[in-house]
Amino acid sequence: MNRILAVGVTALCATAALTACSGRDTAAAAGDCDPGITDSEIRLGTSLVQSIAGPQATAASALFDDINAVGGVAMGDGKSRTISYTALDDGYDPARTVSNVRSLVEQQQVFAIHNLIGTASTLAVADYLTQKNVPLVFPMTGTDELLATLDARPVVAGAVNPQTGWEVGERAKQILRDHPQAKIAVLYSNDSLGNGSLDALKSALAGSGTQIVAQQSYEQTTPSVDSQVVNLANSGADVFVNFATASFVTQSLKKAHELSWKPETYIYSGATDTNFVLAPAGPDAAEGVHSFYWIYDVSSTDHDQLPGVQKWREFAQRHAGALKSTDTIAATGYNTAQLLVAALEQMKGCTRADLLDAVQNLHGVTTDLSIDGVTFDTGAEYPYAITSMAPMTFRDGSWHYDAVVTRSAER
């Protein structure tokens, strides 16, 4: 049975009826509550780069305000609690993330950290939060390192990007199916995400005969990747696997277009934002690129007939002073906040262990914006919430989706 989360006031009042979906023990945890939670409130915090990801926190706060206005979230222990949510700006500087998270935990005594943004930031605080036994739930990263260090960092759960190795493996399947004689050029960042993505691609292609003929790295502090794209274009590659992030995707697509280099192009799922990444590359620069995602692109009106997209539009309109209904970054924050609500609704006690248990036991959950066929599923042995996603192609200014792919539990 799927849990469909809604944000209308009527639906919010009825969410208590949805908690039975987990099929888990309904007994409340014994013992005292952990810091950051009372019978009437739960305190949560996050750290993010406000200039880019600020709309995520704004959308989450607006959703929590709506829930609070009707009495709070009806949690699995039978109590309704309001959600207090604090978002601090770290400028995407891991050192500032550490400082912010310490303040949230030690001064503000939050119950958990929710939707921390970025791989570097997540890894910078994971050990500290493990020492403090504070959950880090639904962080925005897909780094393989979370899985590799799961036993050492058990407080991290429900990451809301696909696991890098799985996403890259699915991309390699596409290339081998559609371009078995491909000559591949790769652009990647010289960090955990980029190097891990390149290694995963090489592993996935091993023994296939398909060749990587050129690879170029860049530093996150570099002003431009133009020279790297020139080198890749000169390699004669006919497939471009672009593991770049944010503005570097914009730059690389724009430069390839200027060079009239027209390879089949695949971009990282975390860099698919239409408004902030693709459109600034210029008309036609992103035409035909491929990627994956799990929620609908709200910058397009293509899916406005769907009830969940309509609920998002209505929600954004209610908060029109703070949100735009076409803001895909805000939509991502809304989606992740709904996942948190799903976990809180089935949280059976008032300890941090209870929250982790709930986050690690989401099964068949859908949200207002989840693409048809996508569900969010978690487990204690796999610290990612994205286990299904839709391949997609950018055509005529918007994303078009193909049949959803689902991760095999045997991987």
Protein backbone atom coordinates (compact mmCIF):
# COMPACT_ATOMS: atom_id res chain seq x y z
CA MET A 1 0.00 0.00 0.00
CA ASN A 2 1.39 3.39 -0.98
CA ARG A 3 1.30 6.45 1.23
CA ILE A 4 0.28 9.49 -0.73
CA LEU A 5 1.17 12.66 1.13
CA ALA A 6 -0.90 15.79 0.58
CA VAL A 7 -0.66 19.31 1.91
CA GLY A 8 -4.26 20.45 1.76
CA VAL A 9 -5.69 21.22 5.19
CA THR A 10 -8.26 18.46 4.91
CA ALA A 11 -5.61 15.93 3.92
CA LEU A 12 -3.31 17.06 6.70
CA CYS A 13 -6.05 16.47 9.23
CA ALA A 14 -6.47 12.94 7.92
CA THR A 15 -2.83 11.88 7.88
CA ALA A 16 -3.10 9.88 11.08
CA ALA A 17 -5.04 7.27 9.14
CA LEU A 18 -2.06 6.72 6.85
CA THR A 19 0.36 5.56 9.51
CA ALA A 20 -0.81 1.96 9.32
CA CYS A 21 1.02 1.48 6.03
CA SER A 22 4.31 0.45 7.62
CA GLY A 23 2.94 -2.70 9.22
CA ARG A 24 5.41 -2.30 12.08
CA ASP A 25 5.03 -2.61 15.85
CA THR A 26 2.93 0.27 17.19
CA ALA A 27 4.25 0.15 20.73
CA ALA A 28 5.73 3.42 21.94
CA ALA A 29 9.38 3.43 22.93
CA ALA A 30 10.06 3.18 26.63
CA GLY A 31 12.27 5.59 28.54
CA ASP A 32 12.82 9.32 28.50
CA CYS A 33 12.69 11.44 25.38
CA ASP A 34 15.87 12.71 23.75
CA PRO A 35 16.69 16.44 23.55
CA GLY A 36 14.82 18.43 20.95
CA ILE A 37 11.40 16.86 21.38
CA THR A 38 8.52 17.33 23.80
CA ASP A 39 4.95 16.12 23.80
CA SER A 40 4.00 19.14 21.71
CA GLU A 41 7.07 20.09 19.61
CA ILE A 42 9.98 18.66 17.64
CA ARG A 43 12.98 20.86 16.77
CA LEU A 44 14.91 20.26 13.55
CA GLY A 45 17.67 22.12 11.76
CA THR A 46 19.64 22.24 8.52
CA SER A 47 22.62 23.95 6.92
CA LEU A 48 22.74 24.91 3.25
CA VAL A 49 24.01 27.41 0.71
CA GLN A 50 21.32 30.05 0.91
CA SER A 51 22.13 31.69 -2.42
CA ILE A 52 21.35 28.48 -4.32
CA ALA A 53 19.40 26.10 -2.10
CA GLY A 54 17.56 28.66 0.01
CA PRO A 55 14.21 27.89 -1.69
CA GLN A 56 14.45 24.31 -0.41
CA ALA A 57 14.42 25.48 3.19
CA THR A 58 11.75 28.08 2.42
CA ALA A 59 9.43 25.44 0.96
CA ALA A 60 10.06 23.06 3.84
CA SER A 61 9.34 25.78 6.38
CA ALA A 62 6.14 26.73 4.56
CA LEU A 63 4.94 23.12 4.56
CA PHE A 64 5.71 22.79 8.26
CA ASP A 65 3.85 26.06 8.91
CA ASP A 66 0.79 24.63 7.15
CA ILE A 67 1.00 21.48 9.26
CA ASN A 68 1.52 23.47 12.46
CA ALA A 69 -1.53 25.59 11.65
CA VAL A 70 -3.78 22.53 11.91
CA GLY A 71 -2.25 21.24 15.13
CA GLY A 72 1.04 19.70 14.06
CA VAL A 73 2.04 16.36 12.60
CA ALA A 74 0.21 13.35 14.01
CA MET A 75 3.11 11.11 14.97
CA GLY A 76 3.19 7.38 15.42
CA ASP A 77 3.24 7.55 19.22
CA GLY A 78 -0.22 9.13 19.21
CA LYS A 79 0.94 12.69 19.90
CA SER A 80 0.64 15.67 17.56
CA ARG A 81 3.67 17.94 17.50
CA THR A 82 4.47 21.22 15.83
CA ILE A 83 7.69 21.32 13.83
CA SER A 84 10.25 24.01 14.68
CA TYR A 85 12.71 24.32 11.78
CA THR A 86 15.93 26.36 11.64
CA ALA A 87 17.96 26.75 8.45
CA LEU A 88 21.46 28.29 8.59
CA ASP A 89 23.55 29.49 5.65
CA ASP A 90 26.92 27.82 5.10
CA GLY A 91 27.79 29.21 1.66
CA TYR A 92 28.62 25.61 0.63
CA ASP A 93 31.72 25.79 2.81
CA PRO A 94 32.09 22.57 4.81
CA ALA A 95 33.88 24.42 7.62
CA ARG A 96 30.84 26.67 8.05
CA THR A 97 28.60 23.61 7.86
CA VAL A 98 30.46 22.13 10.81
CA SER A 99 30.08 25.35 12.79
CA ASN A 100 26.38 25.59 11.94
CA VAL A 101 25.66 22.00 12.86
CA ARG A 102 27.51 22.31 16.16
CA SER A 103 25.42 25.37 16.98
CA LEU A 104 22.19 23.59 16.05
CA VAL A 105 23.06 20.56 18.18
CA GLU A 106 24.77 22.16 21.17
CA GLN A 107 23.05 25.55 21.47
CA GLN A 108 19.64 25.03 19.91
CA GLN A 109 19.49 21.34 20.87
CA VAL A 110 17.73 20.17 17.73
CA PHE A 111 16.41 16.62 17.66
CA ALA A 112 17.89 15.92 14.21
CA ILE A 113 19.51 17.50 11.17
CA HIS A 114 17.31 17.34 8.09
CA ASN A 115 18.16 17.74 4.36
CA LEU A 116 21.73 18.96 4.72
CA ILE A 117 22.86 20.01 1.24
CA GLY A 118 25.89 18.53 -0.51
CA THR A 119 28.35 15.66 -0.33
CA ALA A 120 31.24 17.64 1.17
CA SER A 121 28.99 19.13 3.83
CA THR A 122 27.45 15.76 4.70
CA LEU A 123 30.80 14.06 5.08
CA ALA A 124 32.16 16.99 7.11
CA VAL A 125 29.59 16.51 9.88
CA ALA A 126 28.70 12.81 9.71
CA ASP A 127 31.31 11.69 12.24
CA TYR A 128 30.45 14.50 14.67
CA LEU A 129 26.75 13.70 14.50
CA THR A 130 27.50 10.03 15.02
CA GLN A 131 29.46 10.90 18.16
CA LYS A 132 26.54 13.01 19.39
CA ASN A 133 24.02 10.35 18.34
CA VAL A 134 22.05 12.97 16.36
CA PRO A 135 20.32 11.69 13.21
CA LEU A 136 21.23 13.18 9.83
CA VAL A 137 18.15 12.38 7.78
CA PHE A 138 17.43 12.95 4.09
CA PRO A 139 20.76 14.67 3.28
CA MET A 140 21.10 15.75 -0.35
CA THR A 141 23.95 13.55 -1.52
CA GLY A 142 24.38 10.22 -3.24
CA THR A 143 28.02 9.58 -2.46
CA ASP A 144 29.02 5.91 -2.31
CA GLU A 145 30.99 6.74 0.82
CA LEU A 146 27.80 6.65 2.88
CA LEU A 147 27.34 3.00 2.03
CA ALA A 148 31.03 2.17 2.42
CA THR A 149 31.10 3.69 5.93
CA LEU A 150 27.59 2.72 7.04
CA ASP A 151 28.72 0.91 10.20
CA ALA A 152 30.85 3.89 11.27
CA ARG A 153 28.15 6.47 10.52
CA PRO A 154 24.87 4.81 11.50
CA VAL A 155 23.03 8.10 12.10
CA VAL A 156 22.93 8.94 8.37
CA ALA A 157 19.76 7.75 6.66
CA GLY A 158 17.51 8.36 3.66
CA ALA A 159 19.84 10.36 1.40
CA VAL A 160 17.80 12.08 -1.30
CA ASN A 161 20.10 11.70 -4.28
CA PRO A 162 20.58 8.32 -5.95
CA GLN A 163 23.59 6.33 -4.86
CA THR A 164 26.36 7.35 -7.25
CA GLY A 165 27.31 3.81 -8.19
CA TRP A 166 23.73 2.88 -9.00
CA GLU A 167 22.98 6.00 -11.04
CA VAL A 168 26.20 5.67 -13.02
CA GLY A 169 25.50 1.98 -13.59
CA GLU A 170 22.09 2.82 -15.05
CA ARG A 171 23.69 5.45 -17.27
CA ALA A 172 26.23 2.92 -18.52
CA LYS A 173 23.37 0.54 -19.40
CA GLN A 174 21.81 3.28 -21.52
CA ILE A 175 25.06 3.96 -23.35
CA LEU A 176 25.79 0.29 -23.99
CA ARG A 177 22.24 -0.23 -25.26
CA ASP A 178 21.99 2.83 -27.48
CA HIS A 179 25.64 3.48 -28.42
CA PRO A 180 27.54 0.18 -28.14
CA GLN A 181 30.47 1.53 -30.20
CA ALA A 182 30.62 4.80 -28.32
CA LYS A 183 33.76 6.84 -27.85
CA ILE A 184 33.16 8.54 -24.50
CA ALA A 185 34.45 11.84 -23.11
CA VAL A 186 34.06 12.51 -19.39
CA LEU A 187 34.02 15.78 -17.43
CA TYR A 188 34.20 15.41 -13.65
CA SER A 189 35.02 17.36 -10.51
CA ASN A 190 38.18 16.48 -8.61
CA ASP A 191 36.35 15.52 -5.42
CA SER A 192 34.56 12.57 -3.86
CA LEU A 193 31.55 12.86 -6.15
CA GLY A 194 33.46 13.34 -9.39
CA ASN A 195 36.17 10.77 -8.81
CA GLY A 196 33.65 8.27 -7.51
CA SER A 197 31.46 8.79 -10.57
CA LEU A 198 34.37 8.27 -12.96
CA ASP A 199 35.47 5.10 -11.14
CA ALA A 200 31.91 3.77 -11.22
CA LEU A 201 31.63 4.43 -14.97
CA LYS A 202 34.90 2.64 -15.69
CA SER A 203 33.74 -0.31 -13.62
CA ALA A 204 30.36 -0.44 -15.36
CA LEU A 205 31.98 -0.35 -18.82
CA ALA A 206 34.71 -2.89 -18.04
CA GLY A 207 34.82 -5.68 -20.59
CA SER A 208 32.26 -4.06 -22.90
CA GLY A 209 34.66 -2.75 -25.52
CA THR A 210 33.18 0.71 -25.18
CA GLN A 211 36.00 3.18 -24.63
CA ILE A 212 36.55 6.31 -22.59
CA VAL A 213 38.77 8.23 -25.00
CA ALA A 214 39.16 11.43 -22.96
CA GLN A 215 38.64 12.59 -19.40
CA GLN A 216 39.05 16.05 -17.91
CA SER A 217 38.75 17.08 -14.27
CA TYR A 218 38.18 20.48 -12.70
CA GLU A 219 38.40 21.99 -9.23
CA GLN A 220 35.29 23.43 -7.58
CA THR A 221 37.19 26.72 -7.21
CA THR A 222 38.00 27.06 -10.91
CA PRO A 223 36.25 29.94 -12.70
CA SER A 224 35.61 28.05 -15.95
CA VAL A 225 35.68 24.60 -17.55
CA ASP A 226 35.89 25.94 -21.10
CA SER A 227 39.40 24.59 -21.71
CA GLN A 228 38.38 21.17 -20.45
CA VAL A 229 35.43 21.08 -22.86
CA VAL A 230 37.66 22.13 -25.76
CA ASN A 231 39.99 19.23 -24.99
CA LEU A 232 37.09 16.80 -24.77
CA ALA A 233 35.61 18.02 -28.06
CA ASN A 234 38.98 17.56 -29.76
CA SER A 235 39.07 13.91 -28.69
CA GLY A 236 36.58 12.87 -31.33
CA ALA A 237 34.17 11.51 -28.72
CA ASP A 238 30.56 11.02 -29.77
CA VAL A 239 29.19 10.52 -26.22
CA PHE A 240 29.70 13.10 -23.46
CA VAL A 241 29.24 11.89 -19.88
CA ASN A 242 29.06 15.09 -17.88
CA PHE A 243 29.50 14.54 -14.15
CA ALA A 244 29.83 18.28 -13.50
CA THR A 245 27.59 20.08 -11.03
CA ALA A 246 25.62 23.34 -10.96
CA SER A 247 27.16 26.21 -12.95
CA PHE A 248 29.82 23.93 -14.43
CA VAL A 249 27.10 22.03 -16.28
CA THR A 250 25.81 25.35 -17.62
CA GLN A 251 29.30 26.33 -18.76
CA SER A 252 30.07 22.98 -20.32
CA LEU A 253 26.82 22.74 -22.28
CA LYS A 254 27.21 26.31 -23.49
CA LYS A 255 30.82 25.74 -24.59
CA ALA A 256 30.01 22.49 -26.39
CA HIS A 257 27.24 24.29 -28.26
CA GLU A 258 29.60 27.15 -29.21
CA LEU A 259 32.07 24.58 -30.56
CA SER A 260 29.29 22.84 -32.53
CA TRP A 261 30.28 19.66 -30.72
CA LYS A 262 27.11 17.58 -30.68
CA PRO A 263 27.75 14.35 -28.79
CA GLU A 264 25.00 12.36 -27.12
CA THR A 265 25.14 13.98 -23.67
CA TYR A 266 24.33 12.56 -20.24
CA ILE A 267 24.34 14.82 -17.17
CA TYR A 268 24.34 14.15 -13.43
CA SER A 269 20.87 13.97 -11.85
CA GLY A 270 21.84 16.60 -9.28
CA ALA A 271 22.42 19.17 -12.05
CA THR A 272 19.16 18.98 -14.00
CA ASP A 273 17.47 22.15 -12.80
CA THR A 274 15.79 23.81 -15.77
CA ASN A 275 15.77 27.38 -14.43
CA PHE A 276 19.21 27.59 -12.88
CA VAL A 277 21.33 25.11 -14.86
CA LEU A 278 19.94 24.42 -18.32
CA ALA A 279 18.24 27.65 -19.41
CA PRO A 280 21.31 29.84 -18.68
CA ALA A 281 23.32 27.72 -21.15
CA GLY A 282 21.28 29.34 -23.92
CA PRO A 283 18.66 28.23 -26.44
CA ASP A 284 19.28 24.72 -27.82
CA ALA A 285 22.46 24.11 -25.75
CA ALA A 286 20.69 21.55 -23.57
CA GLU A 287 18.47 20.09 -26.30
CA GLY A 288 18.56 16.30 -26.23
CA VAL A 289 20.57 15.82 -23.04
CA HIS A 290 19.71 12.82 -20.87
CA SER A 291 19.56 12.28 -17.13
CA PHE A 292 17.42 10.81 -14.33
CA TYR A 293 15.01 12.24 -11.78
CA TRP A 294 12.26 11.24 -9.37
CA ILE A 295 9.92 14.25 -9.14
CA TYR A 296 8.21 16.19 -11.91
CA ASP A 297 9.79 19.33 -13.35
CA VAL A 298 7.52 22.08 -12.02
CA SER A 299 9.08 24.69 -14.32
CA SER A 300 7.04 23.04 -17.09
CA THR A 301 3.26 23.00 -17.39
CA ASP A 302 3.33 19.58 -19.07
CA HIS A 303 2.06 17.79 -15.96
CA ASP A 304 -0.32 20.35 -14.51
CA GLN A 305 -3.26 17.99 -15.00
CA LEU A 306 -1.87 15.63 -12.34
CA PRO A 307 -3.46 15.95 -8.88
CA GLY A 308 -0.13 16.04 -7.06
CA VAL A 309 1.27 18.77 -9.28
CA GLN A 310 -1.95 20.72 -8.78
CA LYS A 311 -1.48 20.42 -5.01
CA TRP A 312 2.03 21.80 -5.37
CA ARG A 313 0.75 24.73 -7.41
CA GLU A 314 -1.93 25.46 -4.80
CA PHE A 315 0.64 25.23 -2.00
CA ALA A 316 3.02 27.59 -3.78
CA GLN A 317 0.19 30.02 -4.46
CA ARG A 318 -0.72 30.10 -0.76
CA HIS A 319 2.88 31.09 -0.08
CA ALA A 320 3.30 33.27 -3.15
CA GLY A 321 5.23 35.90 -1.23
CA ALA A 322 7.99 33.40 -0.51
CA LEU A 323 7.75 30.76 -3.26
CA LYS A 324 7.32 30.49 -7.01
CA SER A 325 5.36 27.52 -8.29
CA THR A 326 7.86 27.10 -11.15
CA ASP A 327 10.89 26.93 -8.83
CA THR A 328 12.29 23.42 -9.12
CA ILE A 329 14.64 23.93 -6.17
CA ALA A 330 11.70 24.84 -3.94
CA ALA A 331 9.83 21.79 -5.26
CA THR A 332 12.74 19.59 -4.20
CA GLY A 333 12.59 21.04 -0.69
CA TYR A 334 8.83 20.44 -0.59
CA ASN A 335 9.34 16.84 -1.65
CA THR A 336 12.02 16.17 0.96
CA ALA A 337 9.90 17.79 3.66
CA GLN A 338 7.05 15.46 2.75
CA LEU A 339 9.39 12.49 3.17
CA LEU A 340 10.26 13.75 6.65
CA VAL A 341 6.56 14.03 7.48
CA ALA A 342 6.07 10.43 6.31
CA ALA A 343 8.78 9.30 8.73
CA LEU A 344 7.40 11.37 11.63
CA GLU A 345 3.94 9.91 11.09
CA GLN A 346 5.26 6.42 11.72
CA MET A 347 7.78 7.32 14.46
CA LYS A 348 6.72 5.22 17.44
CA GLY A 349 8.53 6.98 20.28
CA CYS A 350 10.38 10.13 21.24
CA THR A 351 14.01 9.06 20.91
CA ARG A 352 16.42 9.73 18.10
CA ALA A 353 16.68 5.98 17.57
CA ASP A 354 12.93 5.99 16.90
CA LEU A 355 13.36 8.60 14.19
CA LEU A 356 16.15 6.63 12.54
CA ASP A 357 14.01 3.52 12.66
CA ALA A 358 11.16 5.37 10.97
CA VAL A 359 13.38 6.92 8.29
CA GLN A 360 14.89 3.50 7.57
CA ASN A 361 11.48 1.84 7.19
CA LEU A 362 9.70 3.79 4.47
CA HIS A 363 8.11 1.44 1.97
CA GLY A 364 6.23 2.38 -1.18
CA VAL A 365 5.95 6.04 -0.19
CA THR A 366 4.84 8.50 -2.86
CA THR A 367 4.71 12.28 -2.63
CA ASP A 368 2.74 14.96 -4.42
CA LEU A 369 5.46 15.43 -7.04
CA SER A 370 6.89 11.92 -7.40
CA ILE A 371 6.93 10.78 -11.02
CA ASP A 372 4.37 8.11 -11.83
CA GLY A 373 5.96 4.77 -10.93
CA VAL A 374 8.53 6.23 -8.53
CA THR A 375 8.33 5.28 -4.87
CA PHE A 376 10.63 6.10 -1.97
CA ASP A 377 11.89 3.05 -0.11
CA THR A 378 14.49 2.83 2.64
CA GLY A 379 16.27 0.23 4.73
CA ALA A 380 18.80 0.06 7.53
CA GLU A 381 21.42 -1.43 5.21
CA TYR A 382 21.04 1.08 2.38
CA PRO A 383 21.27 4.78 3.40
CA TYR A 384 19.50 6.24 0.35
CA ALA A 385 15.82 7.01 -0.22
CA ILE A 386 16.03 7.13 -4.02
CA THR A 387 15.65 3.55 -5.21
CA SER A 388 13.60 4.27 -8.34
CA MET A 389 13.94 7.06 -10.89
CA ALA A 390 12.85 7.96 -14.39
CA PRO A 391 15.26 8.29 -17.31
CA MET A 392 14.53 11.59 -19.01
CA THR A 393 15.47 13.66 -22.04
CA PHE A 394 15.37 17.44 -22.38
CA ARG A 395 13.36 18.43 -25.45
CA ASP A 396 11.78 21.75 -26.43
CA GLY A 397 12.57 23.36 -23.11
CA SER A 398 11.34 20.69 -20.70
CA TRP A 399 12.09 17.20 -19.44
CA HIS A 400 10.29 14.19 -20.93
CA TYR A 401 10.23 10.95 -18.94
CA ASP A 402 10.69 7.31 -19.89
CA ALA A 403 9.78 4.15 -17.95
CA VAL A 404 10.97 4.17 -14.35
CA VAL A 405 13.97 2.05 -13.41
CA THR A 406 14.16 0.47 -9.96
CA ARG A 407 17.23 -0.62 -8.06
CA SER A 408 17.49 -4.32 -7.43
CA ALA A 409 17.79 -5.19 -3.75
CA GLU A 410 20.52 -7.68 -4.71
CA ARG A 411 22.89 -4.98 -5.94
